[in-house]
Amino acid sequence: MSAENKPIIELEARAGIFSLLAQAFNYPDRELILSLRKGAFPAALLSAVGCLPSAASVSEDIAAITNEYTGSGKGDDELLLELEKDYTHMFFSSKPRLVYLFESVYNEGKLLQESTFQIARLYYDAGLRPAEHFKLPPDHIAVEFEFLSYLYFNEIKAIETNNKENAELARKLQCDVINHHLASFGRTFAEKVTMHGQTVFFRMMGKITSFVLAGIQL
């Protein structure tokens, strides 16, 4: 890997990591199950986290996901139902709630507070406008992860087109998302998922998310 290609490769890996985290913490669907059964999801995750220091420390966690789903004798419907039940129990039906998906609940104690508007302003600064059919609040953990992935891809595009202004904006917004939002909210969320997840997938993804957020530095 040449020195001039290394930044792009690392940015691509980071973009991939956060896209996968976003997929993991959206409501489970058949696309996720298919990717787990084929081993594509854990393989992509293992490849992407290789850009971070001490990546070997989560290789066993990723292997546990691979072993659980590629070697399972259960059908797709059964595996999907297990993830749906775990997701619903952690994030929606538990009383008191075991894990919250929204940053504002961690910071201000309820939905749609200043944290929500702060992260929404960053989306606006990046030129994003919500589609009419998009229903998730802007401070949903999966939305923040997907936004960070988008910003890494934006930086790649800016570097490739020699647009220094856009590259600097992408880096600034990455810093804001990580330092002012995910550094605290994301790690607390990940710790709770690791503690309360009933399936191998969510327990391991909680651990991997903690590792990723600790290893991302700007």
N, C-alpha and C. Protein backbone atom coordinates (compact mmCIF):
# COMPACT_ATOMS: atom_id res chain seq x y z
N MET A 1 0.84 -1.19 0.00
CA MET A 1 0.00 0.00 0.00
C MET A 1 0.88 1.24 0.00
N SER A 2 0.76 2.07 -1.02
CA SER A 2 1.59 3.27 -1.10
C SER A 2 1.12 4.30 -0.11
N ALA A 3 2.01 5.23 0.23
CA ALA A 3 1.67 6.27 1.21
C ALA A 3 0.52 7.14 0.72
N GLU A 4 0.47 7.38 -0.59
CA GLU A 4 -0.57 8.27 -1.10
C GLU A 4 -1.94 7.60 -1.14
N ASN A 5 -1.97 6.27 -1.19
CA ASN A 5 -3.24 5.55 -1.20
C ASN A 5 -3.77 5.25 0.20
N LYS A 6 -2.89 5.26 1.17
CA LYS A 6 -3.29 4.87 2.52
C LYS A 6 -4.44 5.69 3.08
N PRO A 7 -4.44 7.02 2.96
CA PRO A 7 -5.57 7.78 3.51
C PRO A 7 -6.90 7.36 2.92
N ILE A 8 -6.97 7.15 1.61
CA ILE A 8 -8.22 6.75 0.97
C ILE A 8 -8.66 5.39 1.48
N ILE A 9 -7.75 4.46 1.57
CA ILE A 9 -8.08 3.11 2.04
C ILE A 9 -8.62 3.15 3.47
N GLU A 10 -7.98 3.94 4.32
CA GLU A 10 -8.44 4.05 5.70
C GLU A 10 -9.82 4.71 5.78
N LEU A 11 -10.04 5.74 4.97
CA LEU A 11 -11.34 6.40 4.95
C LEU A 11 -12.42 5.44 4.45
N GLU A 12 -12.11 4.64 3.44
CA GLU A 12 -13.07 3.66 2.94
C GLU A 12 -13.41 2.65 4.03
N ALA A 13 -12.40 2.24 4.79
CA ALA A 13 -12.64 1.28 5.87
C ALA A 13 -13.53 1.88 6.95
N ARG A 14 -13.27 3.14 7.30
CA ARG A 14 -14.09 3.79 8.32
C ARG A 14 -15.52 3.98 7.84
N ALA A 15 -15.66 4.37 6.58
CA ALA A 15 -17.01 4.50 6.02
C ALA A 15 -17.73 3.16 6.08
N GLY A 16 -17.02 2.09 5.78
CA GLY A 16 -17.62 0.76 5.82
C GLY A 16 -18.01 0.35 7.22
N ILE A 17 -17.15 0.63 8.19
CA ILE A 17 -17.45 0.29 9.58
C ILE A 17 -18.77 0.91 10.02
N PHE A 18 -18.92 2.21 9.79
CA PHE A 18 -20.09 2.89 10.33
C PHE A 18 -21.36 2.57 9.54
N SER A 19 -21.20 2.22 8.27
CA SER A 19 -22.36 1.74 7.52
C SER A 19 -22.84 0.41 8.08
N LEU A 20 -21.92 -0.45 8.44
CA LEU A 20 -22.28 -1.75 9.04
C LEU A 20 -22.90 -1.58 10.42
N LEU A 21 -22.37 -0.64 11.22
CA LEU A 21 -22.96 -0.38 12.53
C LEU A 21 -24.38 0.16 12.38
N ALA A 22 -24.58 1.01 11.38
CA ALA A 22 -25.93 1.52 11.13
C ALA A 22 -26.88 0.38 10.79
N GLN A 23 -26.43 -0.54 9.96
CA GLN A 23 -27.26 -1.69 9.59
C GLN A 23 -27.57 -2.54 10.81
N ALA A 24 -26.59 -2.71 11.67
CA ALA A 24 -26.76 -3.56 12.84
C ALA A 24 -27.81 -3.02 13.80
N PHE A 25 -27.92 -1.69 13.90
CA PHE A 25 -28.82 -1.11 14.91
C PHE A 25 -30.08 -0.49 14.34
N ASN A 26 -30.34 -0.73 13.06
CA ASN A 26 -31.68 -0.56 12.53
C ASN A 26 -32.48 -1.80 12.88
N TYR A 27 -33.80 -1.72 12.74
CA TYR A 27 -34.63 -2.89 13.04
C TYR A 27 -34.22 -4.05 12.13
N PRO A 28 -34.01 -5.24 12.68
CA PRO A 28 -33.52 -6.37 11.88
C PRO A 28 -34.45 -6.69 10.70
N ASP A 29 -33.84 -7.05 9.58
CA ASP A 29 -34.62 -7.42 8.40
C ASP A 29 -33.98 -8.62 7.71
N ARG A 30 -34.62 -9.09 6.65
CA ARG A 30 -34.13 -10.27 5.95
C ARG A 30 -32.79 -10.03 5.26
N GLU A 31 -32.55 -8.80 4.86
CA GLU A 31 -31.26 -8.49 4.24
C GLU A 31 -30.12 -8.75 5.22
N LEU A 32 -30.31 -8.36 6.48
CA LEU A 32 -29.29 -8.61 7.50
C LEU A 32 -29.12 -10.11 7.71
N ILE A 33 -30.22 -10.84 7.84
CA ILE A 33 -30.14 -12.28 8.06
C ILE A 33 -29.40 -12.96 6.92
N LEU A 34 -29.70 -12.60 5.69
CA LEU A 34 -29.04 -13.19 4.53
C LEU A 34 -27.54 -12.90 4.57
N SER A 35 -27.18 -11.68 4.93
CA SER A 35 -25.77 -11.30 5.00
C SER A 35 -25.05 -12.06 6.11
N LEU A 36 -25.75 -12.31 7.21
CA LEU A 36 -25.16 -13.09 8.30
C LEU A 36 -25.01 -14.55 7.91
N ARG A 37 -26.03 -15.11 7.28
CA ARG A 37 -25.99 -16.52 6.90
C ARG A 37 -24.87 -16.80 5.90
N LYS A 38 -24.64 -15.87 4.99
CA LYS A 38 -23.59 -16.03 3.99
C LYS A 38 -22.20 -15.67 4.52
N GLY A 39 -22.15 -15.08 5.72
CA GLY A 39 -20.87 -14.65 6.29
C GLY A 39 -20.39 -13.33 5.75
N ALA A 40 -21.21 -12.67 4.93
CA ALA A 40 -20.78 -11.42 4.30
C ALA A 40 -20.66 -10.29 5.30
N PHE A 41 -21.62 -10.19 6.23
CA PHE A 41 -21.59 -9.11 7.21
C PHE A 41 -20.34 -9.19 8.10
N PRO A 42 -20.08 -10.33 8.77
CA PRO A 42 -18.88 -10.39 9.61
C PRO A 42 -17.59 -10.27 8.81
N ALA A 43 -17.56 -10.77 7.58
CA ALA A 43 -16.35 -10.66 6.76
C ALA A 43 -16.05 -9.20 6.44
N ALA A 44 -17.10 -8.46 6.08
CA ALA A 44 -16.92 -7.03 5.78
C ALA A 44 -16.49 -6.27 7.03
N LEU A 45 -17.04 -6.64 8.17
CA LEU A 45 -16.69 -5.98 9.42
C LEU A 45 -15.24 -6.25 9.79
N LEU A 46 -14.81 -7.50 9.66
CA LEU A 46 -13.43 -7.86 9.98
C LEU A 46 -12.45 -7.11 9.09
N SER A 47 -12.77 -7.01 7.81
CA SER A 47 -11.91 -6.30 6.87
C SER A 47 -11.83 -4.82 7.23
N ALA A 48 -12.97 -4.22 7.57
CA ALA A 48 -13.01 -2.78 7.84
C ALA A 48 -12.29 -2.41 9.13
N VAL A 49 -12.47 -3.18 10.19
CA VAL A 49 -11.85 -2.80 11.47
C VAL A 49 -10.34 -2.98 11.44
N GLY A 50 -9.83 -3.62 10.39
CA GLY A 50 -8.38 -3.77 10.28
C GLY A 50 -7.63 -2.47 10.20
N CYS A 51 -8.33 -1.37 9.89
CA CYS A 51 -7.68 -0.06 9.82
C CYS A 51 -7.44 0.54 11.20
N LEU A 52 -8.03 -0.05 12.24
CA LEU A 52 -7.92 0.50 13.59
C LEU A 52 -6.84 -0.21 14.38
N PRO A 53 -6.20 0.49 15.33
CA PRO A 53 -5.20 -0.15 16.17
C PRO A 53 -5.82 -1.28 17.00
N SER A 54 -5.04 -2.33 17.22
CA SER A 54 -5.46 -3.45 18.07
C SER A 54 -6.71 -4.15 17.56
N ALA A 55 -6.88 -4.19 16.24
CA ALA A 55 -8.07 -4.81 15.66
C ALA A 55 -8.19 -6.28 16.03
N ALA A 56 -7.06 -6.93 16.32
CA ALA A 56 -7.10 -8.35 16.67
C ALA A 56 -7.92 -8.60 17.93
N SER A 57 -8.09 -7.56 18.75
CA SER A 57 -8.81 -7.74 20.02
C SER A 57 -10.30 -8.03 19.81
N VAL A 58 -10.83 -7.71 18.64
CA VAL A 58 -12.25 -8.01 18.39
C VAL A 58 -12.43 -9.13 17.36
N SER A 59 -11.34 -9.74 16.95
CA SER A 59 -11.45 -10.80 15.93
C SER A 59 -12.27 -11.97 16.46
N GLU A 60 -12.15 -12.30 17.73
CA GLU A 60 -12.93 -13.41 18.29
C GLU A 60 -14.41 -13.06 18.37
N ASP A 61 -14.72 -11.79 18.64
CA ASP A 61 -16.11 -11.36 18.68
C ASP A 61 -16.75 -11.48 17.30
N ILE A 62 -16.00 -11.08 16.28
CA ILE A 62 -16.52 -11.19 14.92
C ILE A 62 -16.64 -12.67 14.52
N ALA A 63 -15.66 -13.47 14.93
CA ALA A 63 -15.72 -14.91 14.65
C ALA A 63 -16.94 -15.56 15.30
N ALA A 64 -17.30 -15.06 16.49
CA ALA A 64 -18.48 -15.61 17.18
C ALA A 64 -19.75 -15.37 16.36
N ILE A 65 -19.84 -14.19 15.73
CA ILE A 65 -20.99 -13.89 14.86
C ILE A 65 -20.98 -14.84 13.66
N THR A 66 -19.80 -14.99 13.05
CA THR A 66 -19.68 -15.89 11.90
C THR A 66 -20.12 -17.30 12.26
N ASN A 67 -19.61 -17.82 13.36
CA ASN A 67 -19.92 -19.19 13.77
C ASN A 67 -21.39 -19.38 14.11
N GLU A 68 -21.98 -18.38 14.72
CA GLU A 68 -23.37 -18.48 15.15
C GLU A 68 -24.33 -18.55 13.97
N TYR A 69 -24.02 -17.81 12.90
CA TYR A 69 -25.02 -17.66 11.84
C TYR A 69 -24.69 -18.45 10.57
N THR A 70 -23.42 -18.62 10.26
CA THR A 70 -23.12 -19.41 9.06
C THR A 70 -23.26 -20.90 9.35
N GLY A 71 -23.11 -21.29 10.60
CA GLY A 71 -23.21 -22.70 10.94
C GLY A 71 -24.54 -23.09 11.54
N SER A 72 -25.49 -22.17 11.54
CA SER A 72 -26.77 -22.44 12.20
C SER A 72 -27.65 -23.38 11.38
N GLY A 73 -28.33 -24.27 12.10
CA GLY A 73 -29.29 -25.14 11.44
C GLY A 73 -30.69 -24.54 11.43
N LYS A 74 -30.82 -23.34 11.97
CA LYS A 74 -32.12 -22.68 12.03
C LYS A 74 -32.44 -22.04 10.68
N GLY A 75 -33.71 -21.89 10.41
CA GLY A 75 -34.13 -21.24 9.18
C GLY A 75 -34.06 -19.73 9.29
N ASP A 76 -34.18 -19.06 8.15
CA ASP A 76 -34.11 -17.60 8.14
C ASP A 76 -35.20 -16.97 9.00
N ASP A 77 -36.40 -17.51 8.96
CA ASP A 77 -37.49 -16.95 9.73
C ASP A 77 -37.21 -17.03 11.23
N GLU A 78 -36.67 -18.15 11.66
CA GLU A 78 -36.38 -18.32 13.09
C GLU A 78 -35.26 -17.38 13.53
N LEU A 79 -34.22 -17.25 12.72
CA LEU A 79 -33.13 -16.35 13.07
C LEU A 79 -33.58 -14.90 13.10
N LEU A 80 -34.41 -14.53 12.12
CA LEU A 80 -34.92 -13.16 12.10
C LEU A 80 -35.79 -12.89 13.31
N LEU A 81 -36.63 -13.84 13.67
CA LEU A 81 -37.50 -13.66 14.83
C LEU A 81 -36.68 -13.49 16.11
N GLU A 82 -35.59 -14.24 16.25
CA GLU A 82 -34.73 -14.10 17.43
C GLU A 82 -34.17 -12.68 17.53
N LEU A 83 -33.68 -12.15 16.41
CA LEU A 83 -33.13 -10.79 16.43
C LEU A 83 -34.22 -9.76 16.67
N GLU A 84 -35.38 -9.96 16.06
CA GLU A 84 -36.49 -9.02 16.26
C GLU A 84 -36.91 -8.98 17.73
N LYS A 85 -37.01 -10.15 18.35
CA LYS A 85 -37.41 -10.21 19.77
C LYS A 85 -36.37 -9.53 20.65
N ASP A 86 -35.11 -9.79 20.38
CA ASP A 86 -34.04 -9.18 21.18
C ASP A 86 -34.05 -7.67 21.02
N TYR A 87 -34.16 -7.21 19.79
CA TYR A 87 -34.18 -5.77 19.50
C TYR A 87 -35.37 -5.10 20.19
N THR A 88 -36.55 -5.70 20.04
CA THR A 88 -37.75 -5.12 20.62
C THR A 88 -37.67 -5.10 22.14
N HIS A 89 -37.16 -6.17 22.73
CA HIS A 89 -37.05 -6.24 24.19
C HIS A 89 -36.10 -5.16 24.71
N MET A 90 -34.92 -5.06 24.11
CA MET A 90 -33.94 -4.07 24.60
C MET A 90 -34.40 -2.64 24.42
N PHE A 91 -34.92 -2.33 23.23
CA PHE A 91 -35.11 -0.94 22.84
C PHE A 91 -36.54 -0.42 22.98
N PHE A 92 -37.52 -1.32 23.14
CA PHE A 92 -38.91 -0.85 23.13
C PHE A 92 -39.78 -1.36 24.26
N SER A 93 -39.73 -2.66 24.55
CA SER A 93 -40.74 -3.23 25.44
C SER A 93 -40.30 -3.41 26.89
N SER A 94 -39.01 -3.36 27.16
CA SER A 94 -38.53 -3.58 28.53
C SER A 94 -38.98 -2.43 29.44
N LYS A 95 -39.35 -2.78 30.67
CA LYS A 95 -39.77 -1.78 31.66
C LYS A 95 -39.07 -2.06 32.98
N PRO A 96 -38.17 -1.17 33.42
CA PRO A 96 -37.73 0.05 32.74
C PRO A 96 -36.94 -0.29 31.48
N ARG A 97 -36.85 0.65 30.56
CA ARG A 97 -36.18 0.43 29.29
C ARG A 97 -34.71 0.08 29.53
N LEU A 98 -34.25 -1.01 28.90
CA LEU A 98 -32.87 -1.45 29.08
C LEU A 98 -31.89 -0.57 28.32
N VAL A 99 -32.22 -0.25 27.07
CA VAL A 99 -31.32 0.55 26.22
C VAL A 99 -32.17 1.51 25.39
N TYR A 100 -31.71 2.74 25.28
CA TYR A 100 -32.38 3.72 24.43
C TYR A 100 -31.59 3.91 23.14
N LEU A 101 -32.30 4.12 22.06
CA LEU A 101 -31.69 4.31 20.74
C LEU A 101 -31.38 5.77 20.44
N PHE A 102 -31.84 6.69 21.28
CA PHE A 102 -31.81 8.11 20.94
C PHE A 102 -30.90 8.91 21.87
N GLU A 103 -30.05 9.72 21.29
CA GLU A 103 -29.08 10.49 22.07
C GLU A 103 -29.76 11.42 23.07
N SER A 104 -30.85 12.05 22.67
CA SER A 104 -31.50 13.03 23.54
C SER A 104 -31.97 12.40 24.86
N VAL A 105 -32.35 11.12 24.83
CA VAL A 105 -32.79 10.47 26.06
C VAL A 105 -31.63 10.33 27.04
N TYR A 106 -30.43 10.05 26.51
CA TYR A 106 -29.25 9.95 27.36
C TYR A 106 -28.85 11.31 27.92
N ASN A 107 -28.92 12.32 27.08
CA ASN A 107 -28.41 13.64 27.48
C ASN A 107 -29.42 14.48 28.25
N GLU A 108 -30.68 14.47 27.79
CA GLU A 108 -31.69 15.34 28.41
C GLU A 108 -32.84 14.60 29.07
N GLY A 109 -32.86 13.27 28.94
CA GLY A 109 -33.86 12.49 29.64
C GLY A 109 -35.15 12.24 28.88
N LYS A 110 -35.30 12.81 27.69
CA LYS A 110 -36.48 12.55 26.88
C LYS A 110 -36.20 12.88 25.42
N LEU A 111 -37.12 12.46 24.56
CA LEU A 111 -36.93 12.62 23.12
C LEU A 111 -37.06 14.07 22.66
N LEU A 112 -36.44 14.33 21.49
CA LEU A 112 -36.58 15.60 20.78
C LEU A 112 -36.18 16.80 21.65
N GLN A 113 -34.96 16.74 22.15
CA GLN A 113 -34.41 17.83 22.95
C GLN A 113 -33.25 18.47 22.19
N GLU A 114 -32.44 19.26 22.89
CA GLU A 114 -31.38 20.01 22.23
C GLU A 114 -30.39 19.11 21.48
N SER A 115 -30.10 17.93 22.01
CA SER A 115 -29.20 17.00 21.31
C SER A 115 -29.74 16.66 19.92
N THR A 116 -31.06 16.49 19.84
CA THR A 116 -31.69 16.17 18.57
C THR A 116 -31.45 17.27 17.55
N PHE A 117 -31.64 18.51 18.00
CA PHE A 117 -31.51 19.65 17.09
C PHE A 117 -30.05 19.93 16.73
N GLN A 118 -29.15 19.64 17.67
CA GLN A 118 -27.72 19.84 17.40
C GLN A 118 -27.25 18.91 16.28
N ILE A 119 -27.60 17.62 16.36
CA ILE A 119 -27.15 16.69 15.32
C ILE A 119 -27.87 16.97 14.02
N ALA A 120 -29.13 17.40 14.09
CA ALA A 120 -29.88 17.74 12.87
C ALA A 120 -29.22 18.92 12.15
N ARG A 121 -28.68 19.86 12.91
CA ARG A 121 -27.98 21.00 12.29
C ARG A 121 -26.74 20.54 11.53
N LEU A 122 -26.07 19.52 12.05
CA LEU A 122 -24.90 19.00 11.34
C LEU A 122 -25.31 18.36 10.02
N TYR A 123 -26.44 17.66 9.99
CA TYR A 123 -26.94 17.10 8.73
C TYR A 123 -27.20 18.23 7.73
N TYR A 124 -27.80 19.31 8.23
CA TYR A 124 -28.09 20.46 7.37
C TYR A 124 -26.80 21.07 6.84
N ASP A 125 -25.78 21.20 7.71
CA ASP A 125 -24.49 21.75 7.30
C ASP A 125 -23.83 20.90 6.22
N ALA A 126 -24.11 19.60 6.25
CA ALA A 126 -23.54 18.69 5.25
C ALA A 126 -24.34 18.69 3.95
N GLY A 127 -25.45 19.44 3.93
CA GLY A 127 -26.26 19.53 2.73
C GLY A 127 -27.34 18.49 2.63
N LEU A 128 -27.62 17.79 3.74
CA LEU A 128 -28.64 16.74 3.72
C LEU A 128 -29.99 17.30 4.13
N ARG A 129 -31.03 16.83 3.47
CA ARG A 129 -32.40 17.19 3.81
C ARG A 129 -33.19 15.88 3.92
N PRO A 130 -33.97 15.70 5.00
CA PRO A 130 -34.68 14.43 5.18
C PRO A 130 -35.74 14.21 4.11
N ALA A 131 -35.81 12.99 3.60
CA ALA A 131 -36.85 12.63 2.65
C ALA A 131 -38.19 12.57 3.38
N GLU A 132 -39.27 12.79 2.66
CA GLU A 132 -40.60 12.83 3.28
C GLU A 132 -40.95 11.52 3.97
N HIS A 133 -40.48 10.39 3.40
CA HIS A 133 -40.84 9.08 3.96
C HIS A 133 -39.95 8.69 5.14
N PHE A 134 -38.90 9.48 5.42
CA PHE A 134 -37.96 9.11 6.48
C PHE A 134 -38.54 9.48 7.84
N LYS A 135 -38.71 8.49 8.71
CA LYS A 135 -39.44 8.70 9.96
C LYS A 135 -38.56 8.70 11.21
N LEU A 136 -37.32 8.21 11.13
CA LEU A 136 -36.50 8.11 12.33
C LEU A 136 -36.04 9.49 12.80
N PRO A 137 -36.04 9.74 14.12
CA PRO A 137 -35.49 11.00 14.63
C PRO A 137 -34.01 11.12 14.28
N PRO A 138 -33.50 12.33 14.09
CA PRO A 138 -32.11 12.51 13.67
C PRO A 138 -31.08 12.03 14.67
N ASP A 139 -31.47 11.86 15.95
CA ASP A 139 -30.50 11.42 16.95
C ASP A 139 -30.59 9.92 17.23
N HIS A 140 -31.26 9.17 16.36
CA HIS A 140 -31.26 7.70 16.44
C HIS A 140 -29.83 7.22 16.18
N ILE A 141 -29.37 6.25 16.94
CA ILE A 141 -27.97 5.80 16.85
C ILE A 141 -27.62 5.35 15.43
N ALA A 142 -28.52 4.66 14.76
CA ALA A 142 -28.23 4.17 13.41
C ALA A 142 -28.12 5.32 12.42
N VAL A 143 -28.90 6.37 12.61
CA VAL A 143 -28.83 7.53 11.73
C VAL A 143 -27.51 8.26 11.92
N GLU A 144 -27.07 8.39 13.15
CA GLU A 144 -25.77 9.04 13.40
C GLU A 144 -24.63 8.22 12.82
N PHE A 145 -24.69 6.90 12.95
CA PHE A 145 -23.66 6.05 12.35
C PHE A 145 -23.66 6.19 10.82
N GLU A 146 -24.83 6.18 10.21
CA GLU A 146 -24.91 6.30 8.76
C GLU A 146 -24.40 7.66 8.29
N PHE A 147 -24.68 8.69 9.06
CA PHE A 147 -24.20 10.04 8.72
C PHE A 147 -22.68 10.08 8.75
N LEU A 148 -22.07 9.45 9.75
CA LEU A 148 -20.61 9.44 9.83
C LEU A 148 -20.02 8.70 8.64
N SER A 149 -20.63 7.60 8.25
CA SER A 149 -20.19 6.88 7.05
C SER A 149 -20.27 7.79 5.82
N TYR A 150 -21.36 8.51 5.71
CA TYR A 150 -21.55 9.45 4.59
C TYR A 150 -20.44 10.50 4.57
N LEU A 151 -20.06 11.00 5.73
CA LEU A 151 -19.02 12.02 5.80
C LEU A 151 -17.66 11.49 5.37
N TYR A 152 -17.37 10.24 5.70
CA TYR A 152 -16.10 9.65 5.25
C TYR A 152 -16.10 9.50 3.73
N PHE A 153 -17.22 9.07 3.17
CA PHE A 153 -17.30 8.98 1.71
C PHE A 153 -17.18 10.36 1.06
N ASN A 154 -17.75 11.38 1.70
CA ASN A 154 -17.63 12.74 1.17
C ASN A 154 -16.18 13.21 1.17
N GLU A 155 -15.45 12.85 2.21
CA GLU A 155 -14.04 13.23 2.25
C GLU A 155 -13.26 12.55 1.14
N ILE A 156 -13.56 11.27 0.91
CA ILE A 156 -12.89 10.54 -0.18
C ILE A 156 -13.15 11.24 -1.52
N LYS A 157 -14.40 11.57 -1.78
CA LYS A 157 -14.75 12.23 -3.03
C LYS A 157 -14.03 13.57 -3.16
N ALA A 158 -13.95 14.32 -2.06
CA ALA A 158 -13.29 15.62 -2.09
C ALA A 158 -11.79 15.48 -2.36
N ILE A 159 -11.17 14.47 -1.77
CA ILE A 159 -9.74 14.24 -2.01
C ILE A 159 -9.50 13.87 -3.46
N GLU A 160 -10.36 12.99 -3.98
CA GLU A 160 -10.18 12.52 -5.35
C GLU A 160 -10.38 13.63 -6.38
N THR A 161 -11.20 14.62 -6.03
CA THR A 161 -11.44 15.74 -6.95
C THR A 161 -10.64 16.98 -6.57
N ASN A 162 -9.75 16.81 -5.58
CA ASN A 162 -8.89 17.90 -5.12
C ASN A 162 -9.69 19.11 -4.64
N ASN A 163 -10.82 18.83 -3.99
CA ASN A 163 -11.65 19.90 -3.42
C ASN A 163 -11.31 20.04 -1.94
N LYS A 164 -10.33 20.89 -1.65
CA LYS A 164 -9.83 21.02 -0.28
C LYS A 164 -10.89 21.57 0.66
N GLU A 165 -11.73 22.47 0.18
CA GLU A 165 -12.77 23.05 1.03
C GLU A 165 -13.76 22.00 1.51
N ASN A 166 -14.20 21.14 0.58
CA ASN A 166 -15.14 20.08 0.96
C ASN A 166 -14.50 19.03 1.86
N ALA A 167 -13.21 18.75 1.62
CA ALA A 167 -12.50 17.79 2.47
C ALA A 167 -12.40 18.32 3.89
N GLU A 168 -12.09 19.60 4.03
CA GLU A 168 -12.00 20.20 5.36
C GLU A 168 -13.35 20.22 6.06
N LEU A 169 -14.42 20.51 5.31
CA LEU A 169 -15.76 20.49 5.90
C LEU A 169 -16.12 19.09 6.37
N ALA A 170 -15.83 18.09 5.55
CA ALA A 170 -16.14 16.71 5.93
C ALA A 170 -15.40 16.32 7.20
N ARG A 171 -14.13 16.71 7.31
CA ARG A 171 -13.35 16.38 8.51
C ARG A 171 -13.89 17.11 9.73
N LYS A 172 -14.28 18.36 9.55
CA LYS A 172 -14.85 19.13 10.67
C LYS A 172 -16.12 18.48 11.18
N LEU A 173 -16.99 18.09 10.26
CA LEU A 173 -18.25 17.47 10.67
C LEU A 173 -18.03 16.10 11.30
N GLN A 174 -17.06 15.34 10.80
CA GLN A 174 -16.70 14.07 11.44
C GLN A 174 -16.30 14.31 12.89
N CYS A 175 -15.47 15.30 13.08
CA CYS A 175 -14.99 15.63 14.43
C CYS A 175 -16.15 16.00 15.34
N ASP A 176 -17.08 16.81 14.82
CA ASP A 176 -18.23 17.22 15.62
C ASP A 176 -19.10 16.02 16.00
N VAL A 177 -19.36 15.15 15.04
CA VAL A 177 -20.21 13.98 15.31
C VAL A 177 -19.57 13.08 16.36
N ILE A 178 -18.27 12.82 16.19
CA ILE A 178 -17.60 11.91 17.12
C ILE A 178 -17.43 12.55 18.49
N ASN A 179 -16.85 13.73 18.54
CA ASN A 179 -16.49 14.33 19.82
C ASN A 179 -17.68 14.84 20.61
N HIS A 180 -18.70 15.35 19.93
CA HIS A 180 -19.83 15.97 20.64
C HIS A 180 -21.07 15.09 20.70
N HIS A 181 -21.03 13.95 20.04
CA HIS A 181 -22.21 13.09 20.03
C HIS A 181 -21.85 11.64 20.34
N LEU A 182 -21.16 10.96 19.43
CA LEU A 182 -20.95 9.53 19.59
C LEU A 182 -19.95 9.16 20.66
N ALA A 183 -18.99 10.03 20.96
CA ALA A 183 -17.97 9.67 21.96
C ALA A 183 -18.59 9.31 23.29
N SER A 184 -19.63 10.03 23.69
CA SER A 184 -20.29 9.75 24.96
C SER A 184 -21.51 8.86 24.77
N PHE A 185 -22.45 9.33 23.98
CA PHE A 185 -23.70 8.61 23.74
C PHE A 185 -23.45 7.22 23.17
N GLY A 186 -22.60 7.13 22.15
CA GLY A 186 -22.36 5.86 21.47
C GLY A 186 -21.73 4.82 22.38
N ARG A 187 -20.78 5.25 23.20
CA ARG A 187 -20.12 4.28 24.09
C ARG A 187 -21.06 3.79 25.17
N THR A 188 -21.86 4.69 25.74
CA THR A 188 -22.84 4.27 26.75
C THR A 188 -23.84 3.30 26.14
N PHE A 189 -24.31 3.63 24.96
CA PHE A 189 -25.24 2.75 24.24
C PHE A 189 -24.61 1.37 24.03
N ALA A 190 -23.37 1.33 23.55
CA ALA A 190 -22.71 0.07 23.25
C ALA A 190 -22.53 -0.78 24.50
N GLU A 191 -22.17 -0.16 25.60
CA GLU A 191 -21.99 -0.89 26.86
C GLU A 191 -23.30 -1.54 27.30
N LYS A 192 -24.40 -0.81 27.14
CA LYS A 192 -25.71 -1.34 27.55
C LYS A 192 -26.15 -2.49 26.64
N VAL A 193 -25.88 -2.36 25.34
CA VAL A 193 -26.22 -3.45 24.42
C VAL A 193 -25.43 -4.71 24.76
N THR A 194 -24.14 -4.55 25.06
CA THR A 194 -23.31 -5.69 25.45
C THR A 194 -23.86 -6.36 26.70
N MET A 195 -24.34 -5.56 27.63
CA MET A 195 -24.84 -6.07 28.90
C MET A 195 -26.19 -6.76 28.76
N HIS A 196 -27.06 -6.20 27.93
CA HIS A 196 -28.45 -6.67 27.92
C HIS A 196 -28.84 -7.50 26.70
N GLY A 197 -28.00 -7.53 25.67
CA GLY A 197 -28.34 -8.32 24.49
C GLY A 197 -28.46 -9.80 24.81
N GLN A 198 -29.49 -10.43 24.26
CA GLN A 198 -29.71 -11.87 24.49
C GLN A 198 -29.18 -12.74 23.36
N THR A 199 -28.98 -12.15 22.20
CA THR A 199 -28.46 -12.90 21.06
C THR A 199 -26.96 -12.65 20.90
N VAL A 200 -26.29 -13.62 20.30
CA VAL A 200 -24.86 -13.45 20.03
C VAL A 200 -24.62 -12.20 19.19
N PHE A 201 -25.47 -11.98 18.20
CA PHE A 201 -25.27 -10.84 17.30
C PHE A 201 -25.23 -9.53 18.07
N PHE A 202 -26.23 -9.26 18.89
CA PHE A 202 -26.27 -7.96 19.56
C PHE A 202 -25.22 -7.84 20.66
N ARG A 203 -24.95 -8.92 21.39
CA ARG A 203 -23.89 -8.84 22.41
C ARG A 203 -22.55 -8.52 21.77
N MET A 204 -22.24 -9.23 20.69
CA MET A 204 -20.95 -9.00 20.03
C MET A 204 -20.90 -7.63 19.37
N MET A 205 -22.01 -7.18 18.78
CA MET A 205 -22.01 -5.86 18.15
C MET A 205 -21.87 -4.76 19.18
N GLY A 206 -22.37 -4.98 20.37
CA GLY A 206 -22.13 -4.01 21.44
C GLY A 206 -20.65 -3.88 21.75
N LYS A 207 -19.98 -5.03 21.87
CA LYS A 207 -18.54 -5.02 22.17
C LYS A 207 -17.74 -4.39 21.03
N ILE A 208 -18.11 -4.73 19.81
CA ILE A 208 -17.39 -4.21 18.64
C ILE A 208 -17.61 -2.71 18.52
N THR A 209 -18.81 -2.24 18.80
CA THR A 209 -19.09 -0.80 18.74
C THR A 209 -18.25 -0.05 19.77
N SER A 210 -18.13 -0.59 20.97
CA SER A 210 -17.28 0.03 21.99
C SER A 210 -15.84 0.15 21.52
N PHE A 211 -15.35 -0.93 20.92
CA PHE A 211 -13.99 -0.95 20.40
C PHE A 211 -13.79 0.10 19.31
N VAL A 212 -14.74 0.16 18.37
CA VAL A 212 -14.63 1.10 17.24
C VAL A 212 -14.61 2.53 17.75
N LEU A 213 -15.52 2.87 18.63
CA LEU A 213 -15.60 4.25 19.10
C LEU A 213 -14.38 4.63 19.95
N ALA A 214 -13.80 3.67 20.62
CA ALA A 214 -12.57 3.95 21.38
C ALA A 214 -11.37 4.12 20.45
N GLY A 215 -11.41 3.47 19.28
CA GLY A 215 -10.25 3.49 18.38
C GLY A 215 -10.28 4.58 17.33
N ILE A 216 -11.46 5.22 17.14
CA ILE A 216 -11.56 6.28 16.15
C ILE A 216 -11.02 7.57 16.74
N GLN A 217 -10.02 8.12 16.12
CA GLN A 217 -9.43 9.38 16.59
C GLN A 217 -9.33 10.35 15.42
N LEU A 218 -9.57 11.62 15.72
CA LEU A 218 -9.49 12.66 14.70
C LEU A 218 -8.41 13.67 15.07
